[in-house]
Amino acid sequence: MGKNKIIVSSSILACDFMRLAEETQAVAAAGTDWIHVDVMDGVFVPNITLGIPFVAGLKRTVALPLDVHLMIVQPEKHVSSFVEAGADILTVHCENNANIHSTLMAIRQAGAKPAIAINPGTPAEMIETLLPFVDMVLVMTVNPGFGGQAFIPETLRKIRKIRNWIDERQLPVRIQVDGGLNKDTVRQCYEAGVDTFVAGTGVFRHPEGYAAGVRELRIDD
């Protein structure tokens, strides 16, 4: 696997929104690297969550990079708005997106790092030719749209395949996973080639506090 240091991206979907500023600042102090923001439109996935004004508010609240995951139709129409609002990493899905290459180029031109996401049922080959154009691949290890789902173990084979492509081509591309993570699945993902972990409940609702949740994901320390 690559030699990238582990990055922990804490998902705010699991925080107390009535205490958003306090929660994000506390998790930053606890050692998380990024803040993960899931944007859902109720069309690409069933749920509706956060939008551009929310990202802008977060940018004023916390100094960490904002890792924004767009689970929306026609993301190319919103790239500039999300980057202007404060997205540092902007992830778009390969599924049902005929303009994916130009969308990734638009993200970089707007000043953010482009990333591509792939759902559990989508073959890795869908993104193989796009690897030179991204900074990160997000492999969804549950079906997007809902929290609390069980990790899908078949995604490990996909992760290993993508890691091999990245290493063979010596690309500076991270692999991120999101969904169903615990001590066992984090270890399995790490061994398969993952270096970037998204955690919501595992950090914001860890019984021993935010710092303990972040530490559990830093298995390379």
C-alpha atoms as a PDB file:
ATOM      1  CA  MET A   1       0.000   0.000   0.000  1.00  0.00           C
ATOM      2  CA  GLY A   2       1.001   3.637  -0.298  1.00  0.00           C
ATOM      3  CA  LYS A   3       2.822   5.495   2.447  1.00  0.00           C
ATOM      4  CA  ASN A   4       0.338   8.281   3.042  1.00  0.00           C
ATOM      5  CA  LYS A   5      -0.280   9.175   6.657  1.00  0.00           C
ATOM      6  CA  ILE A   6      -3.748   8.401   7.977  1.00  0.00           C
ATOM      7  CA  ILE A   7      -6.252  11.232   7.728  1.00  0.00           C
ATOM      8  CA  VAL A   8      -9.394  11.277   9.875  1.00  0.00           C
ATOM      9  CA  SER A   9     -12.365  13.182   8.461  1.00  0.00           C
ATOM     10  CA  SER A  10     -15.093  13.651  11.079  1.00  0.00           C
ATOM     11  CA  SER A  11     -18.615  13.662   9.665  1.00  0.00           C
ATOM     12  CA  ILE A  12     -20.806  16.380  11.103  1.00  0.00           C
ATOM     13  CA  LEU A  13     -23.983  14.443  10.352  1.00  0.00           C
ATOM     14  CA  ALA A  14     -23.457  12.781  13.723  1.00  0.00           C
ATOM     15  CA  CYS A  15     -22.978  16.003  15.693  1.00  0.00           C
ATOM     16  CA  ASP A  16     -25.509  18.061  17.634  1.00  0.00           C
ATOM     17  CA  PHE A  17     -26.564  20.721  15.113  1.00  0.00           C
ATOM     18  CA  MET A  18     -27.841  22.977  17.879  1.00  0.00           C
ATOM     19  CA  ARG A  19     -24.212  23.142  19.088  1.00  0.00           C
ATOM     20  CA  LEU A  20     -22.505  23.012  15.711  1.00  0.00           C
ATOM     21  CA  ALA A  21     -19.770  25.579  16.342  1.00  0.00           C
ATOM     22  CA  GLU A  22     -18.913  24.087  19.724  1.00  0.00           C
ATOM     23  CA  GLU A  23     -18.936  20.524  18.366  1.00  0.00           C
ATOM     24  CA  THR A  24     -16.746  21.212  15.345  1.00  0.00           C
ATOM     25  CA  GLN A  25     -14.254  23.224  17.374  1.00  0.00           C
ATOM     26  CA  ALA A  26     -14.104  20.458  19.982  1.00  0.00           C
ATOM     27  CA  VAL A  27     -13.479  17.736  17.419  1.00  0.00           C
ATOM     28  CA  ALA A  28     -10.787  19.908  15.851  1.00  0.00           C
ATOM     29  CA  ALA A  29      -9.125  20.234  19.243  1.00  0.00           C
ATOM     30  CA  ALA A  30      -9.416  16.454  19.633  1.00  0.00           C
ATOM     31  CA  GLY A  31      -7.138  15.961  16.636  1.00  0.00           C
ATOM     32  CA  THR A  32      -9.319  15.310  13.613  1.00  0.00           C
ATOM     33  CA  ASP A  33      -7.753  16.353  10.316  1.00  0.00           C
ATOM     34  CA  TRP A  34     -10.782  17.293   8.224  1.00  0.00           C
ATOM     35  CA  ILE A  35     -14.470  18.043   8.649  1.00  0.00           C
ATOM     36  CA  HIS A  36     -16.636  15.845   6.410  1.00  0.00           C
ATOM     37  CA  VAL A  37     -19.833  17.394   5.035  1.00  0.00           C
ATOM     38  CA  ASP A  38     -22.415  15.166   3.342  1.00  0.00           C
ATOM     39  CA  VAL A  39     -24.618  17.080   0.898  1.00  0.00           C
ATOM     40  CA  MET A  40     -27.742  15.122  -0.145  1.00  0.00           C
ATOM     41  CA  ASP A  41     -30.501  16.399  -2.421  1.00  0.00           C
ATOM     42  CA  GLY A  42     -33.284  13.842  -1.917  1.00  0.00           C
ATOM     43  CA  VAL A  43     -32.915  12.749  -5.567  1.00  0.00           C
ATOM     44  CA  PHE A  44     -29.519  11.090  -5.989  1.00  0.00           C
ATOM     45  CA  VAL A  45     -30.056   9.657  -2.492  1.00  0.00           C
ATOM     46  CA  PRO A  46     -33.311   9.610  -0.498  1.00  0.00           C
ATOM     47  CA  ASN A  47     -32.299  12.016   2.262  1.00  0.00           C
ATOM     48  CA  ILE A  48     -31.970  15.795   2.195  1.00  0.00           C
ATOM     49  CA  THR A  49     -29.216  17.358   4.273  1.00  0.00           C
ATOM     50  CA  LEU A  50     -26.989  20.408   4.040  1.00  0.00           C
ATOM     51  CA  GLY A  51     -26.356  23.040   1.397  1.00  0.00           C
ATOM     52  CA  ILE A  52     -24.079  25.851   0.334  1.00  0.00           C
ATOM     53  CA  PRO A  53     -24.917  28.327   3.174  1.00  0.00           C
ATOM     54  CA  PHE A  54     -24.131  25.616   5.708  1.00  0.00           C
ATOM     55  CA  VAL A  55     -20.689  25.030   4.180  1.00  0.00           C
ATOM     56  CA  ALA A  56     -20.038  28.771   4.281  1.00  0.00           C
ATOM     57  CA  GLY A  57     -21.016  28.869   7.942  1.00  0.00           C
ATOM     58  CA  LEU A  58     -18.707  25.976   8.756  1.00  0.00           C
ATOM     59  CA  LYS A  59     -15.828  27.726   7.019  1.00  0.00           C
ATOM     60  CA  ARG A  60     -16.231  30.655   9.401  1.00  0.00           C
ATOM     61  CA  THR A  61     -16.440  28.318  12.386  1.00  0.00           C
ATOM     62  CA  VAL A  62     -13.476  25.966  12.042  1.00  0.00           C
ATOM     63  CA  ALA A  63     -10.041  26.287  10.455  1.00  0.00           C
ATOM     64  CA  LEU A  64      -9.776  22.670   9.300  1.00  0.00           C
ATOM     65  CA  PRO A  65     -10.164  21.653   5.642  1.00  0.00           C
ATOM     66  CA  LEU A  66     -13.769  20.995   4.627  1.00  0.00           C
ATOM     67  CA  ASP A  67     -14.196  17.619   2.930  1.00  0.00           C
ATOM     68  CA  VAL A  68     -17.483  18.048   1.040  1.00  0.00           C
ATOM     69  CA  HIS A  69     -19.197  14.993  -0.471  1.00  0.00           C
ATOM     70  CA  LEU A  70     -21.849  15.866  -3.065  1.00  0.00           C
ATOM     71  CA  MET A  71     -24.561  13.208  -3.323  1.00  0.00           C
ATOM     72  CA  ILE A  72     -26.617  15.257  -5.757  1.00  0.00           C
ATOM     73  CA  VAL A  73     -27.732  15.182  -9.377  1.00  0.00           C
ATOM     74  CA  GLN A  74     -25.928  17.477 -11.820  1.00  0.00           C
ATOM     75  CA  PRO A  75     -23.124  18.418  -9.410  1.00  0.00           C
ATOM     76  CA  GLU A  76     -21.381  20.323 -12.201  1.00  0.00           C
ATOM     77  CA  LYS A  77     -23.940  23.109 -11.773  1.00  0.00           C
ATOM     78  CA  HIS A  78     -22.854  23.718  -8.179  1.00  0.00           C
ATOM     79  CA  VAL A  79     -19.074  23.292  -8.203  1.00  0.00           C
ATOM     80  CA  SER A  80     -18.153  26.977  -8.141  1.00  0.00           C
ATOM     81  CA  SER A  81     -20.713  27.769  -5.430  1.00  0.00           C
ATOM     82  CA  PHE A  82     -19.447  25.065  -3.080  1.00  0.00           C
ATOM     83  CA  VAL A  83     -15.814  26.001  -3.620  1.00  0.00           C
ATOM     84  CA  GLU A  84     -16.581  29.677  -3.049  1.00  0.00           C
ATOM     85  CA  ALA A  85     -18.428  28.691   0.136  1.00  0.00           C
ATOM     86  CA  GLY A  86     -15.305  26.995   1.462  1.00  0.00           C
ATOM     87  CA  ALA A  87     -15.023  23.413   0.217  1.00  0.00           C
ATOM     88  CA  ASP A  88     -11.352  22.394   0.180  1.00  0.00           C
ATOM     89  CA  ILE A  89     -11.957  18.868  -1.094  1.00  0.00           C
ATOM     90  CA  LEU A  90     -15.011  18.372  -3.314  1.00  0.00           C
ATOM     91  CA  THR A  91     -16.166  14.814  -4.031  1.00  0.00           C
ATOM     92  CA  VAL A  92     -18.575  13.927  -6.819  1.00  0.00           C
ATOM     93  CA  HIS A  93     -20.002  10.551  -7.838  1.00  0.00           C
ATOM     94  CA  CYS A  94     -19.152   8.695 -11.021  1.00  0.00           C
ATOM     95  CA  GLU A  95     -22.639   7.178 -11.254  1.00  0.00           C
ATOM     96  CA  ASN A  96     -25.042   8.720 -13.774  1.00  0.00           C
ATOM     97  CA  ASN A  97     -22.632  11.532 -14.570  1.00  0.00           C
ATOM     98  CA  ALA A  98     -21.760  11.791 -18.253  1.00  0.00           C
ATOM     99  CA  ASN A  99     -19.757  14.973 -17.571  1.00  0.00           C
ATOM    100  CA  ILE A 100     -17.602  13.537 -14.795  1.00  0.00           C
ATOM    101  CA  HIS A 101     -14.227  14.420 -16.354  1.00  0.00           C
ATOM    102  CA  SER A 102     -15.164  18.029 -17.011  1.00  0.00           C
ATOM    103  CA  THR A 103     -16.697  18.252 -13.528  1.00  0.00           C
ATOM    104  CA  LEU A 104     -13.426  17.114 -11.955  1.00  0.00           C
ATOM    105  CA  MET A 105     -11.508  19.638 -14.046  1.00  0.00           C
ATOM    106  CA  ALA A 106     -13.914  22.380 -12.976  1.00  0.00           C
ATOM    107  CA  ILE A 107     -13.331  21.554  -9.317  1.00  0.00           C
ATOM    108  CA  ARG A 108      -9.579  21.914  -9.681  1.00  0.00           C
ATOM    109  CA  GLN A 109      -9.892  25.091 -11.734  1.00  0.00           C
ATOM    110  CA  ALA A 110     -12.132  26.553  -9.037  1.00  0.00           C
ATOM    111  CA  GLY A 111      -9.379  25.994  -6.474  1.00  0.00           C
ATOM    112  CA  ALA A 112     -10.432  22.827  -4.631  1.00  0.00           C
ATOM    113  CA  LYS A 113      -9.077  19.286  -4.684  1.00  0.00           C
ATOM    114  CA  PRO A 114     -11.226  17.008  -6.856  1.00  0.00           C
ATOM    115  CA  ALA A 115     -12.274  13.593  -5.587  1.00  0.00           C
ATOM    116  CA  ILE A 116     -14.473  10.884  -7.044  1.00  0.00           C
ATOM    117  CA  ALA A 117     -16.878   8.618  -5.157  1.00  0.00           C
ATOM    118  CA  ILE A 118     -18.016   5.140  -6.110  1.00  0.00           C
ATOM    119  CA  ASN A 119     -20.999   3.267  -4.659  1.00  0.00           C
ATOM    120  CA  PRO A 120     -20.828  -0.339  -3.394  1.00  0.00           C
ATOM    121  CA  GLY A 121     -22.606  -1.727  -6.457  1.00  0.00           C
ATOM    122  CA  THR A 122     -20.460   0.143  -8.994  1.00  0.00           C
ATOM    123  CA  PRO A 123     -17.437  -1.648 -10.488  1.00  0.00           C
ATOM    124  CA  ALA A 124     -14.037  -0.119  -9.877  1.00  0.00           C
ATOM    125  CA  GLU A 125     -13.423   0.026 -13.621  1.00  0.00           C
ATOM    126  CA  MET A 126     -15.825   2.975 -13.776  1.00  0.00           C
ATOM    127  CA  ILE A 127     -13.148   5.228 -12.296  1.00  0.00           C
ATOM    128  CA  GLU A 128      -9.907   3.652 -13.517  1.00  0.00           C
ATOM    129  CA  THR A 129      -9.284   6.165 -16.304  1.00  0.00           C
ATOM    130  CA  LEU A 130     -10.132   9.078 -13.993  1.00  0.00           C
ATOM    131  CA  LEU A 131      -7.451   8.371 -11.386  1.00  0.00           C
ATOM    132  CA  PRO A 132      -4.873  10.778 -12.891  1.00  0.00           C
ATOM    133  CA  PHE A 133      -7.374  13.622 -12.538  1.00  0.00           C
ATOM    134  CA  VAL A 134      -8.271  13.287  -8.846  1.00  0.00           C
ATOM    135  CA  ASP A 135      -6.616  13.748  -5.470  1.00  0.00           C
ATOM    136  CA  MET A 136      -8.782  11.140  -3.758  1.00  0.00           C
ATOM    137  CA  VAL A 137     -11.160   8.232  -4.365  1.00  0.00           C
ATOM    138  CA  LEU A 138     -14.030   7.739  -1.923  1.00  0.00           C
ATOM    139  CA  VAL A 139     -15.122   4.095  -1.827  1.00  0.00           C
ATOM    140  CA  MET A 140     -18.535   3.931  -0.204  1.00  0.00           C
ATOM    141  CA  THR A 141     -18.595   0.897   2.082  1.00  0.00           C
ATOM    142  CA  VAL A 142     -22.350   1.241   2.634  1.00  0.00           C
ATOM    143  CA  ASN A 143     -25.076   2.462   0.298  1.00  0.00           C
ATOM    144  CA  PRO A 144     -25.130   6.272   0.486  1.00  0.00           C
ATOM    145  CA  GLY A 145     -27.966   8.193   2.066  1.00  0.00           C
ATOM    146  CA  PHE A 146     -28.418   6.678   5.515  1.00  0.00           C
ATOM    147  CA  GLY A 147     -26.283   6.212   8.616  1.00  0.00           C
ATOM    148  CA  GLY A 148     -26.080   3.151  10.797  1.00  0.00           C
ATOM    149  CA  GLN A 149     -25.641   0.594   8.013  1.00  0.00           C
ATOM    150  CA  ALA A 150     -23.404  -2.465   8.232  1.00  0.00           C
ATOM    151  CA  PHE A 151     -20.072  -2.476   6.419  1.00  0.00           C
ATOM    152  CA  ILE A 152     -20.206  -4.271   3.062  1.00  0.00           C
ATOM    153  CA  PRO A 153     -17.152  -6.601   3.048  1.00  0.00           C
ATOM    154  CA  GLU A 154     -17.185  -7.063  -0.730  1.00  0.00           C
ATOM    155  CA  THR A 155     -15.952  -3.473  -1.049  1.00  0.00           C
ATOM    156  CA  LEU A 156     -12.533  -4.573   0.224  1.00  0.00           C
ATOM    157  CA  ARG A 157     -11.797  -6.267  -3.098  1.00  0.00           C
ATOM    158  CA  LYS A 158     -12.601  -3.008  -4.874  1.00  0.00           C
ATOM    159  CA  ILE A 159     -10.327  -1.061  -2.532  1.00  0.00           C
ATOM    160  CA  ARG A 160      -7.416  -3.426  -3.202  1.00  0.00           C
ATOM    161  CA  LYS A 161      -7.911  -3.115  -6.954  1.00  0.00           C
ATOM    162  CA  ILE A 162      -7.937   0.691  -6.815  1.00  0.00           C
ATOM    163  CA  ARG A 163      -4.894   0.722  -4.518  1.00  0.00           C
ATOM    164  CA  ASN A 164      -2.995  -1.463  -6.995  1.00  0.00           C
ATOM    165  CA  TRP A 165      -3.813   0.902  -9.859  1.00  0.00           C
ATOM    166  CA  ILE A 166      -2.692   3.917  -7.843  1.00  0.00           C
ATOM    167  CA  ASP A 167       0.557   2.298  -6.753  1.00  0.00           C
ATOM    168  CA  GLU A 168       1.383   0.879 -10.187  1.00  0.00           C
ATOM    169  CA  ARG A 169       1.030   4.347 -11.712  1.00  0.00           C
ATOM    170  CA  GLN A 170       2.666   6.093  -8.743  1.00  0.00           C
ATOM    171  CA  LEU A 171      -0.212   8.522  -8.418  1.00  0.00           C
ATOM    172  CA  PRO A 172      -0.543  10.831  -5.369  1.00  0.00           C
ATOM    173  CA  VAL A 173      -4.135   9.731  -4.819  1.00  0.00           C
ATOM    174  CA  ARG A 174      -5.705   8.946  -1.455  1.00  0.00           C
ATOM    175  CA  ILE A 175      -8.343   6.284  -0.847  1.00  0.00           C
ATOM    176  CA  GLN A 176     -11.130   7.243   1.533  1.00  0.00           C
ATOM    177  CA  VAL A 177     -13.862   5.025   2.973  1.00  0.00           C
ATOM    178  CA  ASP A 178     -17.171   5.966   4.538  1.00  0.00           C
ATOM    179  CA  GLY A 179     -19.708   3.723   6.257  1.00  0.00           C
ATOM    180  CA  GLY A 180     -19.935   0.930   8.804  1.00  0.00           C
ATOM    181  CA  LEU A 181     -16.513   1.515  10.313  1.00  0.00           C
ATOM    182  CA  ASN A 182     -15.426  -0.027  13.615  1.00  0.00           C
ATOM    183  CA  LYS A 183     -12.119  -1.314  14.980  1.00  0.00           C
ATOM    184  CA  ASP A 184     -12.263  -4.461  12.845  1.00  0.00           C
ATOM    185  CA  THR A 185     -13.395  -2.872   9.571  1.00  0.00           C
ATOM    186  CA  VAL A 186     -10.949   0.019   9.939  1.00  0.00           C
ATOM    187  CA  ARG A 187      -8.104  -2.482  10.195  1.00  0.00           C
ATOM    188  CA  GLN A 188      -9.371  -4.419   7.171  1.00  0.00           C
ATOM    189  CA  CYS A 189      -9.664  -1.237   5.120  1.00  0.00           C
ATOM    190  CA  TYR A 190      -6.211  -0.044   6.163  1.00  0.00           C
ATOM    191  CA  GLU A 191      -4.663  -3.347   5.150  1.00  0.00           C
ATOM    192  CA  ALA A 192      -6.492  -3.158   1.804  1.00  0.00           C
ATOM    193  CA  GLY A 193      -4.958   0.251   1.093  1.00  0.00           C
ATOM    194  CA  VAL A 194      -7.132   2.930   2.692  1.00  0.00           C
ATOM    195  CA  ASP A 195      -5.446   5.997   4.183  1.00  0.00           C
ATOM    196  CA  THR A 196      -8.413   8.325   4.801  1.00  0.00           C
ATOM    197  CA  PHE A 197     -11.322   7.456   7.092  1.00  0.00           C
ATOM    198  CA  VAL A 198     -14.694   9.163   7.483  1.00  0.00           C
ATOM    199  CA  ALA A 199     -16.296   8.721  10.894  1.00  0.00           C
ATOM    200  CA  GLY A 200     -19.400  10.322  12.334  1.00  0.00           C
ATOM    201  CA  THR A 201     -20.825   8.373  15.236  1.00  0.00           C
ATOM    202  CA  GLY A 202     -17.416   6.833  15.889  1.00  0.00           C
ATOM    203  CA  VAL A 203     -16.042  10.276  16.771  1.00  0.00           C
ATOM    204  CA  PHE A 204     -18.918  12.514  17.851  1.00  0.00           C
ATOM    205  CA  ARG A 205     -20.616   9.826  19.929  1.00  0.00           C
ATOM    206  CA  HIS A 206     -17.654   7.817  21.142  1.00  0.00           C
ATOM    207  CA  PRO A 207     -18.278   6.792  24.771  1.00  0.00           C
ATOM    208  CA  GLU A 208     -14.813   7.984  25.795  1.00  0.00           C
ATOM    209  CA  GLY A 209     -14.955  11.296  23.937  1.00  0.00           C
ATOM    210  CA  TYR A 210     -13.923  12.775  20.608  1.00  0.00           C
ATOM    211  CA  ALA A 211     -10.176  12.275  21.063  1.00  0.00           C
ATOM    212  CA  ALA A 212     -10.611   8.561  21.754  1.00  0.00           C
ATOM    213  CA  GLY A 213     -12.700   8.211  18.607  1.00  0.00           C
ATOM    214  CA  VAL A 214     -10.044   9.931  16.503  1.00  0.00           C
ATOM    215  CA  ARG A 215      -7.260   7.818  18.043  1.00  0.00           C
ATOM    216  CA  GLU A 216      -9.040   4.584  17.133  1.00  0.00           C
ATOM    217  CA  LEU A 217      -8.801   5.529  13.480  1.00  0.00           C
ATOM    218  CA  ARG A 218      -5.085   6.354  13.583  1.00  0.00           C
ATOM    219  CA  ILE A 219      -3.985   2.756  13.396  1.00  0.00           C
ATOM    220  CA  ASP A 220      -0.711   3.710  11.720  1.00  0.00           C
ATOM    221  CA  ASP A 221       0.560   5.568  14.813  1.00  0.00           C
END
